[in-house]
Amino acid sequence: MARSKRDPRDSPERSPATVRGTYARTPESRRGFTQGGIDMRKSKTGLYEDAAHAGIEGRSKMSKAELVHALERETARARS
């Protein structure tokens, strides 16, 4: 049966993997969703608590992405 022209599975924005109903797995996704050793699956509250423990200033005004980035910088600084 042919799909209609409005079938979202035929949308050019979707990759062939998602059209099949599966998602392509990248090496990053298999490693546990980390970025620079920071678990990106944590909630913003969890990241905020980690930032408080690390002593990162300005954390209350940071977005989740900014908290991840600040924690990455702090982790890299602590390792060097």
Foldseek 3Di string as FASTA:
>chain_A
DDDDPPPVLPDPVDDPQVSVVHDDDDPCVVVQCADLNHRLVDDLVVLLVVCVVLVPPPSVVDDSVVSSVVVNVSVVVVVD
